[in-house]
């Protein structure tokens, strides 16, 4: 700055009562401002005022406390992350993926409609009980067992099983036609017959154990007479005699 201009600036500052440094700063800025810079500053100022007016009319000022709270607790960063995630998902969505998603959603809605119409909802309490008490796992295990059995059944095994089943049916038919067999079944249902059979079997077991515990017989007439003198032998012979009479009367 020339000495003459400097003197004029100091004189102006003295007249207006302003610091000379401020007056020199304003003069320097005026000298540096070209017409292009003035135009751009005017446009920028106009846009800034228009933006402030739009912000004031939109009511964004009321949201400033909420935005400040979101900034303090980090929620704003989370919202920005969610927005970036949604944007990435939108960028990754091709026409093929959208079509498959639409097909999957349609299939899911159709399945839900079929489930609703079939009345499966009424079976949910029973299924819940099966899950709670473990019966569902047992049913799954039984299904696996049946599936394994089906896989293991060859044509030869199936043919033999069918032959056995047929023979068993013939045997059952023959037994059902036999009156003596049916009478025997009727006798087995009686309590006295059941008690008698139980006593015979117990006696047979006792006799086997007693015979195994005794020494071998010596043989001869003396041994036979000793057995005949035994009271138990006489009782047994009496029982056999009564049993024989019963068979003859039958």
C-alpha atoms as a PDB file:
ATOM      1  CA  UNK A   1       0.000   0.000   0.000  1.00  0.00           C
ATOM      2  CA  UNK A   2       1.383   3.425  -0.958  1.00  0.00           C
ATOM      3  CA  UNK A   3       2.146   6.023   1.603  1.00  0.00           C
ATOM      4  CA  UNK A   4      -0.523   8.374   0.234  1.00  0.00           C
ATOM      5  CA  UNK A   5      -3.232   5.714   0.410  1.00  0.00           C
ATOM      6  CA  UNK A   6      -2.107   4.715   3.881  1.00  0.00           C
ATOM      7  CA  UNK A   7      -2.416   8.307   5.025  1.00  0.00           C
ATOM      8  CA  UNK A   8      -5.896   8.549   3.468  1.00  0.00           C
ATOM      9  CA  UNK A   9      -6.979   5.356   5.244  1.00  0.00           C
ATOM     10  CA  UNK A  10      -5.739   6.657   8.602  1.00  0.00           C
ATOM     11  CA  UNK A  11      -7.550   9.935   8.011  1.00  0.00           C
ATOM     12  CA  UNK A  12     -10.772   8.059   7.184  1.00  0.00           C
ATOM     13  CA  UNK A  13     -10.451   5.871  10.276  1.00  0.00           C
ATOM     14  CA  UNK A  14      -9.932   9.008  12.382  1.00  0.00           C
ATOM     15  CA  UNK A  15     -13.050  10.628  10.929  1.00  0.00           C
ATOM     16  CA  UNK A  16     -15.304   7.542  11.456  1.00  0.00           C
ATOM     17  CA  UNK A  17     -13.876   6.644  14.826  1.00  0.00           C
ATOM     18  CA  UNK A  18     -12.850   3.119  13.739  1.00  0.00           C
ATOM     19  CA  UNK A  19      -9.543   1.322  14.190  1.00  0.00           C
ATOM     20  CA  UNK A  20      -7.221   1.914  11.323  1.00  0.00           C
ATOM     21  CA  UNK A  21      -6.523  -1.848  11.011  1.00  0.00           C
ATOM     22  CA  UNK A  22     -10.240  -2.565  10.395  1.00  0.00           C
ATOM     23  CA  UNK A  23     -10.432   0.173   7.794  1.00  0.00           C
ATOM     24  CA  UNK A  24      -7.352  -1.206   6.055  1.00  0.00           C
ATOM     25  CA  UNK A  25      -8.854  -4.744   6.110  1.00  0.00           C
ATOM     26  CA  UNK A  26     -12.063  -3.499   4.478  1.00  0.00           C
ATOM     27  CA  UNK A  27     -10.141  -1.559   1.845  1.00  0.00           C
ATOM     28  CA  UNK A  28      -7.975  -4.620   1.113  1.00  0.00           C
ATOM     29  CA  UNK A  29     -11.050  -6.835   0.716  1.00  0.00           C
ATOM     30  CA  UNK A  30     -12.655  -4.318  -1.627  1.00  0.00           C
ATOM     31  CA  UNK A  31      -9.518  -4.242  -3.747  1.00  0.00           C
ATOM     32  CA  UNK A  32      -9.386  -8.093  -3.893  1.00  0.00           C
ATOM     33  CA  UNK A  33     -13.049  -8.549  -4.885  1.00  0.00           C
ATOM     34  CA  UNK A  34     -13.510  -8.899  -8.620  1.00  0.00           C
ATOM     35  CA  UNK A  35     -16.839  -8.831 -10.408  1.00  0.00           C
ATOM     36  CA  UNK A  36     -16.820 -12.621 -10.739  1.00  0.00           C
ATOM     37  CA  UNK A  37     -16.179 -13.127  -7.026  1.00  0.00           C
ATOM     38  CA  UNK A  38     -18.882 -10.660  -6.118  1.00  0.00           C
ATOM     39  CA  UNK A  39     -21.349 -12.517  -8.358  1.00  0.00           C
ATOM     40  CA  UNK A  40     -20.482 -15.884  -6.841  1.00  0.00           C
ATOM     41  CA  UNK A  41     -20.678 -14.546  -3.291  1.00  0.00           C
ATOM     42  CA  UNK A  42     -24.059 -13.026  -4.083  1.00  0.00           C
ATOM     43  CA  UNK A  43     -25.333 -16.331  -5.506  1.00  0.00           C
ATOM     44  CA  UNK A  44     -23.973 -18.264  -2.506  1.00  0.00           C
ATOM     45  CA  UNK A  45     -25.565 -15.821  -0.078  1.00  0.00           C
ATOM     46  CA  UNK A  46     -28.878 -16.050  -1.949  1.00  0.00           C
ATOM     47  CA  UNK A  47     -28.821 -19.853  -1.869  1.00  0.00           C
ATOM     48  CA  UNK A  48     -27.929 -19.822   1.820  1.00  0.00           C
ATOM     49  CA  UNK A  49     -30.788 -17.504   2.669  1.00  0.00           C
ATOM     50  CA  UNK A  50     -33.192 -19.617   0.597  1.00  0.00           C
ATOM     51  CA  UNK A  51     -31.992 -22.767   2.411  1.00  0.00           C
ATOM     52  CA  UNK A  52     -32.451 -21.119   5.792  1.00  0.00           C
ATOM     53  CA  UNK A  53     -35.950 -20.050   4.800  1.00  0.00           C
ATOM     54  CA  UNK A  54     -36.862 -23.592   3.706  1.00  0.00           C
ATOM     55  CA  UNK A  55     -35.440 -25.058   6.933  1.00  0.00           C
ATOM     56  CA  UNK A  56     -37.420 -22.552   8.975  1.00  0.00           C
ATOM     57  CA  UNK A  57     -40.646 -23.408   7.128  1.00  0.00           C
ATOM     58  CA  UNK A  58     -40.153 -27.184   7.314  1.00  0.00           C
ATOM     59  CA  UNK A  59     -40.035 -27.205  11.108  1.00  0.00           C
ATOM     60  CA  UNK A  60     -36.623 -28.909  11.277  1.00  0.00           C
ATOM     61  CA  UNK A  61     -35.827 -26.700  14.219  1.00  0.00           C
ATOM     62  CA  UNK A  62     -38.223 -28.707  16.375  1.00  0.00           C
ATOM     63  CA  UNK A  63     -36.248 -31.856  15.599  1.00  0.00           C
ATOM     64  CA  UNK A  64     -32.915 -30.407  16.670  1.00  0.00           C
ATOM     65  CA  UNK A  65     -33.199 -31.613  20.334  1.00  0.00           C
ATOM     66  CA  UNK A  66     -33.984 -35.124  19.131  1.00  0.00           C
ATOM     67  CA  UNK A  67     -31.094 -35.032  16.673  1.00  0.00           C
ATOM     68  CA  UNK A  68     -28.784 -33.771  19.403  1.00  0.00           C
ATOM     69  CA  UNK A  69     -29.856 -36.621  21.701  1.00  0.00           C
ATOM     70  CA  UNK A  70     -29.312 -39.144  18.888  1.00  0.00           C
ATOM     71  CA  UNK A  71     -25.833 -37.749  18.298  1.00  0.00           C
ATOM     72  CA  UNK A  72     -24.965 -37.977  21.997  1.00  0.00           C
ATOM     73  CA  UNK A  73     -26.124 -41.579  22.528  1.00  0.00           C
ATOM     74  CA  UNK A  74     -24.882 -42.868  19.161  1.00  0.00           C
ATOM     75  CA  UNK A  75     -28.312 -43.608  17.686  1.00  0.00           C
ATOM     76  CA  UNK A  76     -27.634 -41.387  14.690  1.00  0.00           C
ATOM     77  CA  UNK A  77     -24.649 -43.542  13.713  1.00  0.00           C
ATOM     78  CA  UNK A  78     -26.806 -46.664  14.027  1.00  0.00           C
ATOM     79  CA  UNK A  79     -29.481 -45.109  11.812  1.00  0.00           C
ATOM     80  CA  UNK A  80     -26.807 -44.211   9.282  1.00  0.00           C
ATOM     81  CA  UNK A  81     -25.523 -47.805   9.409  1.00  0.00           C
ATOM     82  CA  UNK A  82     -29.025 -49.154   8.823  1.00  0.00           C
ATOM     83  CA  UNK A  83     -29.460 -46.759   5.920  1.00  0.00           C
ATOM     84  CA  UNK A  84     -26.158 -47.935   4.410  1.00  0.00           C
ATOM     85  CA  UNK A  85     -27.222 -51.571   4.901  1.00  0.00           C
ATOM     86  CA  UNK A  86     -30.555 -50.947   3.171  1.00  0.00           C
ATOM     87  CA  UNK A  87     -28.777 -49.115   0.366  1.00  0.00           C
ATOM     88  CA  UNK A  88     -26.331 -52.007  -0.084  1.00  0.00           C
ATOM     89  CA  UNK A  89     -29.239 -54.473  -0.139  1.00  0.00           C
ATOM     90  CA  UNK A  90     -30.993 -52.364  -2.773  1.00  0.00           C
ATOM     91  CA  UNK A  91     -27.822 -52.232  -4.868  1.00  0.00           C
ATOM     92  CA  UNK A  92     -27.426 -56.036  -4.565  1.00  0.00           C
ATOM     93  CA  UNK A  93     -31.025 -56.712  -5.595  1.00  0.00           C
ATOM     94  CA  UNK A  94     -31.027 -57.895  -9.190  1.00  0.00           C
ATOM     95  CA  UNK A  95     -34.129 -58.693 -11.227  1.00  0.00           C
ATOM     96  CA  UNK A  96     -33.472 -62.429 -10.758  1.00  0.00           C
ATOM     97  CA  UNK A  97     -33.244 -62.113  -6.963  1.00  0.00           C
ATOM     98  CA  UNK A  98     -36.377 -59.975  -6.819  1.00  0.00           C
ATOM     99  CA  UNK A  99     -38.254 -62.525  -8.925  1.00  0.00           C
ATOM    100  CA  UNK A 100     -37.125 -65.419  -6.713  1.00  0.00           C
ATOM    101  CA  UNK A 101     -38.041 -63.531  -3.555  1.00  0.00           C
ATOM    102  CA  UNK A 102     -41.477 -62.782  -4.976  1.00  0.00           C
ATOM    103  CA  UNK A 103     -41.911 -66.459  -5.907  1.00  0.00           C
ATOM    104  CA  UNK A 104     -40.825 -67.541  -2.405  1.00  0.00           C
ATOM    105  CA  UNK A 105     -43.192 -65.080  -0.750  1.00  0.00           C
ATOM    106  CA  UNK A 106     -46.047 -66.273  -2.952  1.00  0.00           C
ATOM    107  CA  UNK A 107     -45.284 -69.913  -2.091  1.00  0.00           C
ATOM    108  CA  UNK A 108     -45.164 -69.060   1.606  1.00  0.00           C
ATOM    109  CA  UNK A 109     -48.524 -67.318   1.503  1.00  0.00           C
ATOM    110  CA  UNK A 110     -50.031 -70.263  -0.390  1.00  0.00           C
ATOM    111  CA  UNK A 111     -48.624 -72.663   2.227  1.00  0.00           C
ATOM    112  CA  UNK A 112     -50.066 -70.573   5.052  1.00  0.00           C
ATOM    113  CA  UNK A 113     -53.436 -70.569   3.314  1.00  0.00           C
ATOM    114  CA  UNK A 114     -53.366 -74.360   2.950  1.00  0.00           C
ATOM    115  CA  UNK A 115     -52.384 -74.787   6.604  1.00  0.00           C
ATOM    116  CA  UNK A 116     -55.196 -72.487   7.685  1.00  0.00           C
ATOM    117  CA  UNK A 117     -57.758 -74.365   5.594  1.00  0.00           C
ATOM    118  CA  UNK A 118     -56.573 -77.825   6.656  1.00  0.00           C
ATOM    119  CA  UNK A 119     -57.307 -77.188  10.326  1.00  0.00           C
ATOM    120  CA  UNK A 120     -53.753 -77.955  11.471  1.00  0.00           C
ATOM    121  CA  UNK A 121     -54.095 -75.160  14.010  1.00  0.00           C
ATOM    122  CA  UNK A 122     -56.456 -77.404  15.987  1.00  0.00           C
ATOM    123  CA  UNK A 123     -53.656 -79.968  16.355  1.00  0.00           C
ATOM    124  CA  UNK A 124     -51.144 -77.473  17.760  1.00  0.00           C
ATOM    125  CA  UNK A 125     -52.010 -78.188  21.443  1.00  0.00           C
ATOM    126  CA  UNK A 126     -51.490 -81.923  20.855  1.00  0.00           C
ATOM    127  CA  UNK A 127     -48.205 -81.263  19.047  1.00  0.00           C
ATOM    128  CA  UNK A 128     -47.097 -79.008  21.902  1.00  0.00           C
ATOM    129  CA  UNK A 129     -47.857 -81.770  24.410  1.00  0.00           C
ATOM    130  CA  UNK A 130     -45.928 -84.271  22.263  1.00  0.00           C
ATOM    131  CA  UNK A 131     -42.927 -81.943  22.201  1.00  0.00           C
ATOM    132  CA  UNK A 132     -43.047 -81.278  25.947  1.00  0.00           C
ATOM    133  CA  UNK A 133     -43.217 -84.917  27.046  1.00  0.00           C
ATOM    134  CA  UNK A 134     -40.763 -86.199  24.426  1.00  0.00           C
ATOM    135  CA  UNK A 135     -43.261 -88.336  22.499  1.00  0.00           C
ATOM    136  CA  UNK A 136     -42.475 -86.486  19.273  1.00  0.00           C
ATOM    137  CA  UNK A 137     -38.853 -87.663  19.437  1.00  0.00           C
ATOM    138  CA  UNK A 138     -40.067 -91.222  20.003  1.00  0.00           C
ATOM    139  CA  UNK A 139     -42.367 -90.959  16.982  1.00  0.00           C
ATOM    140  CA  UNK A 140     -39.473 -89.694  14.877  1.00  0.00           C
ATOM    141  CA  UNK A 141     -37.329 -92.608  16.052  1.00  0.00           C
ATOM    142  CA  UNK A 142     -40.140 -95.061  15.261  1.00  0.00           C
ATOM    143  CA  UNK A 143     -40.507 -93.540  11.786  1.00  0.00           C
ATOM    144  CA  UNK A 144     -36.755 -93.949  11.214  1.00  0.00           C
ATOM    145  CA  UNK A 145     -36.994 -97.572  12.366  1.00  0.00           C
ATOM    146  CA  UNK A 146     -39.867 -98.264   9.975  1.00  0.00           C
ATOM    147  CA  UNK A 147     -37.997 -96.542   7.165  1.00  0.00           C
ATOM    148  CA  UNK A 148     -34.869 -98.615   7.843  1.00  0.00           C
ATOM    149  CA  UNK A 149     -36.985-101.780   7.900  1.00  0.00           C
ATOM    150  CA  UNK A 150     -38.539-100.835   4.565  1.00  0.00           C
ATOM    151  CA  UNK A 151     -35.113-100.218   3.077  1.00  0.00           C
ATOM    152  CA  UNK A 152     -33.900-103.596   4.360  1.00  0.00           C
ATOM    153  CA  UNK A 153     -36.865-105.557   2.998  1.00  0.00           C
ATOM    154  CA  UNK A 154     -35.893-107.273  -0.209  1.00  0.00           C
ATOM    155  CA  UNK A 155     -38.269-109.110  -2.547  1.00  0.00           C
ATOM    156  CA  UNK A 156     -37.161-112.453  -1.108  1.00  0.00           C
ATOM    157  CA  UNK A 157     -37.821-111.354   2.487  1.00  0.00           C
ATOM    158  CA  UNK A 158     -41.197-109.923   1.545  1.00  0.00           C
ATOM    159  CA  UNK A 159     -42.140-113.205  -0.187  1.00  0.00           C
ATOM    160  CA  UNK A 160     -41.134-115.283   2.839  1.00  0.00           C
ATOM    161  CA  UNK A 161     -42.978-113.009   5.231  1.00  0.00           C
ATOM    162  CA  UNK A 162     -46.087-113.253   3.056  1.00  0.00           C
ATOM    163  CA  UNK A 163     -45.765-117.079   3.037  1.00  0.00           C
ATOM    164  CA  UNK A 164     -45.398-117.166   6.829  1.00  0.00           C
ATOM    165  CA  UNK A 165     -48.378-114.861   7.266  1.00  0.00           C
ATOM    166  CA  UNK A 166     -50.457-117.065   4.980  1.00  0.00           C
ATOM    167  CA  UNK A 167     -49.507-120.229   6.868  1.00  0.00           C
ATOM    168  CA  UNK A 168     -50.273-118.565  10.187  1.00  0.00           C
ATOM    169  CA  UNK A 169     -53.683-117.531   8.926  1.00  0.00           C
ATOM    170  CA  UNK A 170     -54.371-121.128   7.842  1.00  0.00           C
ATOM    171  CA  UNK A 171     -53.243-122.411  11.244  1.00  0.00           C
ATOM    172  CA  UNK A 172     -55.457-119.931  13.060  1.00  0.00           C
ATOM    173  CA  UNK A 173     -58.374-120.912  10.859  1.00  0.00           C
ATOM    174  CA  UNK A 174     -57.847-124.621  11.593  1.00  0.00           C
ATOM    175  CA  UNK A 175     -57.594-123.966  15.348  1.00  0.00           C
ATOM    176  CA  UNK A 176     -60.713-121.840  15.252  1.00  0.00           C
ATOM    177  CA  UNK A 177     -62.626-124.694  13.585  1.00  0.00           C
ATOM    178  CA  UNK A 178     -61.373-127.304  16.099  1.00  0.00           C
ATOM    179  CA  UNK A 179     -63.976-127.645  18.877  1.00  0.00           C
ATOM    180  CA  UNK A 180     -61.620-129.489  21.185  1.00  0.00           C
ATOM    181  CA  UNK A 181     -59.135-126.637  21.015  1.00  0.00           C
ATOM    182  CA  UNK A 182     -61.889-124.146  21.787  1.00  0.00           C
ATOM    183  CA  UNK A 183     -63.035-126.288  24.750  1.00  0.00           C
ATOM    184  CA  UNK A 184     -59.462-126.383  26.007  1.00  0.00           C
ATOM    185  CA  UNK A 185     -59.288-122.608  25.784  1.00  0.00           C
ATOM    186  CA  UNK A 186     -62.536-122.377  27.738  1.00  0.00           C
ATOM    187  CA  UNK A 187     -61.087-124.667  30.426  1.00  0.00           C
ATOM    188  CA  UNK A 188     -57.939-122.558  30.644  1.00  0.00           C
ATOM    189  CA  UNK A 189     -60.058-119.537  31.476  1.00  0.00           C
ATOM    190  CA  UNK A 190     -61.362-121.213  34.658  1.00  0.00           C
ATOM    191  CA  UNK A 191     -59.585-120.241  37.868  1.00  0.00           C
ATOM    192  CA  UNK A 192     -59.556-123.782  39.314  1.00  0.00           C
ATOM    193  CA  UNK A 193     -57.914-125.132  36.149  1.00  0.00           C
ATOM    194  CA  UNK A 194     -55.333-122.367  36.255  1.00  0.00           C
ATOM    195  CA  UNK A 195     -54.601-123.125  39.910  1.00  0.00           C
ATOM    196  CA  UNK A 196     -54.262-126.854  39.151  1.00  0.00           C
ATOM    197  CA  UNK A 197     -51.890-126.226  36.254  1.00  0.00           C
ATOM    198  CA  UNK A 198     -49.824-123.890  38.411  1.00  0.00           C
ATOM    199  CA  UNK A 199     -49.615-126.562  41.134  1.00  0.00           C
ATOM    200  CA  UNK A 200     -48.588-129.251  38.613  1.00  0.00           C
ATOM    201  CA  UNK A 201     -45.819-127.064  37.207  1.00  0.00           C
ATOM    202  CA  UNK A 202     -44.562-126.134  40.684  1.00  0.00           C
ATOM    203  CA  UNK A 203     -44.619-129.807  41.697  1.00  0.00           C
ATOM    204  CA  UNK A 204     -42.684-130.725  38.569  1.00  0.00           C
ATOM    205  CA  UNK A 205     -40.017-128.151  39.372  1.00  0.00           C
ATOM    206  CA  UNK A 206     -39.802-129.348  42.983  1.00  0.00           C
ATOM    207  CA  UNK A 207     -39.516-132.988  41.885  1.00  0.00           C
ATOM    208  CA  UNK A 208     -36.720-132.168  39.483  1.00  0.00           C
ATOM    209  CA  UNK A 209     -34.786-130.308  42.172  1.00  0.00           C
ATOM    210  CA  UNK A 210     -35.319-133.084  44.743  1.00  0.00           C
ATOM    211  CA  UNK A 211     -34.280-135.798  42.297  1.00  0.00           C
ATOM    212  CA  UNK A 212     -31.144-133.910  41.415  1.00  0.00           C
ATOM    213  CA  UNK A 213     -30.251-133.513  45.113  1.00  0.00           C
ATOM    214  CA  UNK A 214     -30.677-137.215  46.051  1.00  0.00           C
ATOM    215  CA  UNK A 215     -27.927-139.796  45.488  1.00  0.00           C
ATOM    216  CA  UNK A 216     -28.333-142.366  42.700  1.00  0.00           C
ATOM    217  CA  UNK A 217     -30.630-145.295  43.516  1.00  0.00           C
ATOM    218  CA  UNK A 218     -28.930-148.609  44.436  1.00  0.00           C
ATOM    219  CA  UNK A 219     -31.649-150.776  42.869  1.00  0.00           C
ATOM    220  CA  UNK A 220     -32.900-154.155  44.038  1.00  0.00           C
ATOM    221  CA  UNK A 221     -35.974-155.383  45.901  1.00  0.00           C
ATOM    222  CA  UNK A 222     -34.873-153.837  49.204  1.00  0.00           C
ATOM    223  CA  UNK A 223     -34.812-150.380  47.726  1.00  0.00           C
ATOM    224  CA  UNK A 224     -38.208-150.906  46.123  1.00  0.00           C
ATOM    225  CA  UNK A 225     -39.672-152.033  49.470  1.00  0.00           C
ATOM    226  CA  UNK A 226     -38.172-148.977  51.161  1.00  0.00           C
ATOM    227  CA  UNK A 227     -39.857-146.727  48.626  1.00  0.00           C
ATOM    228  CA  UNK A 228     -43.149-148.612  49.053  1.00  0.00           C
ATOM    229  CA  UNK A 229     -43.039-148.121  52.825  1.00  0.00           C
ATOM    230  CA  UNK A 230     -42.721-144.363  52.412  1.00  0.00           C
ATOM    231  CA  UNK A 231     -45.961-142.509  53.214  1.00  0.00           C
ATOM    232  CA  UNK A 232     -45.337-139.965  50.425  1.00  0.00           C
ATOM    233  CA  UNK A 233     -45.134-142.793  47.925  1.00  0.00           C
ATOM    234  CA  UNK A 234     -48.473-144.165  49.082  1.00  0.00           C
ATOM    235  CA  UNK A 235     -50.061-140.692  48.794  1.00  0.00           C
ATOM    236  CA  UNK A 236     -48.669-140.328  45.302  1.00  0.00           C
ATOM    237  CA  UNK A 237     -50.072-143.721  44.265  1.00  0.00           C
ATOM    238  CA  UNK A 238     -53.435-142.762  45.720  1.00  0.00           C
ATOM    239  CA  UNK A 239     -53.385-139.527  43.729  1.00  0.00           C
ATOM    240  CA  UNK A 240     -52.490-141.381  40.530  1.00  0.00           C
ATOM    241  CA  UNK A 241     -55.324-143.843  41.159  1.00  0.00           C
ATOM    242  CA  UNK A 242     -57.790-140.968  41.560  1.00  0.00           C
ATOM    243  CA  UNK A 243     -56.400-139.316  38.462  1.00  0.00           C
ATOM    244  CA  UNK A 244     -56.909-142.527  36.489  1.00  0.00           C
ATOM    245  CA  UNK A 245     -60.491-142.851  37.644  1.00  0.00           C
ATOM    246  CA  UNK A 246     -61.084-139.278  36.574  1.00  0.00           C
ATOM    247  CA  UNK A 247     -59.731-140.008  33.115  1.00  0.00           C
ATOM    248  CA  UNK A 248     -61.952-143.073  32.772  1.00  0.00           C
ATOM    249  CA  UNK A 249     -65.041-141.092  33.841  1.00  0.00           C
ATOM    250  CA  UNK A 250     -64.245-138.351  31.341  1.00  0.00           C
END
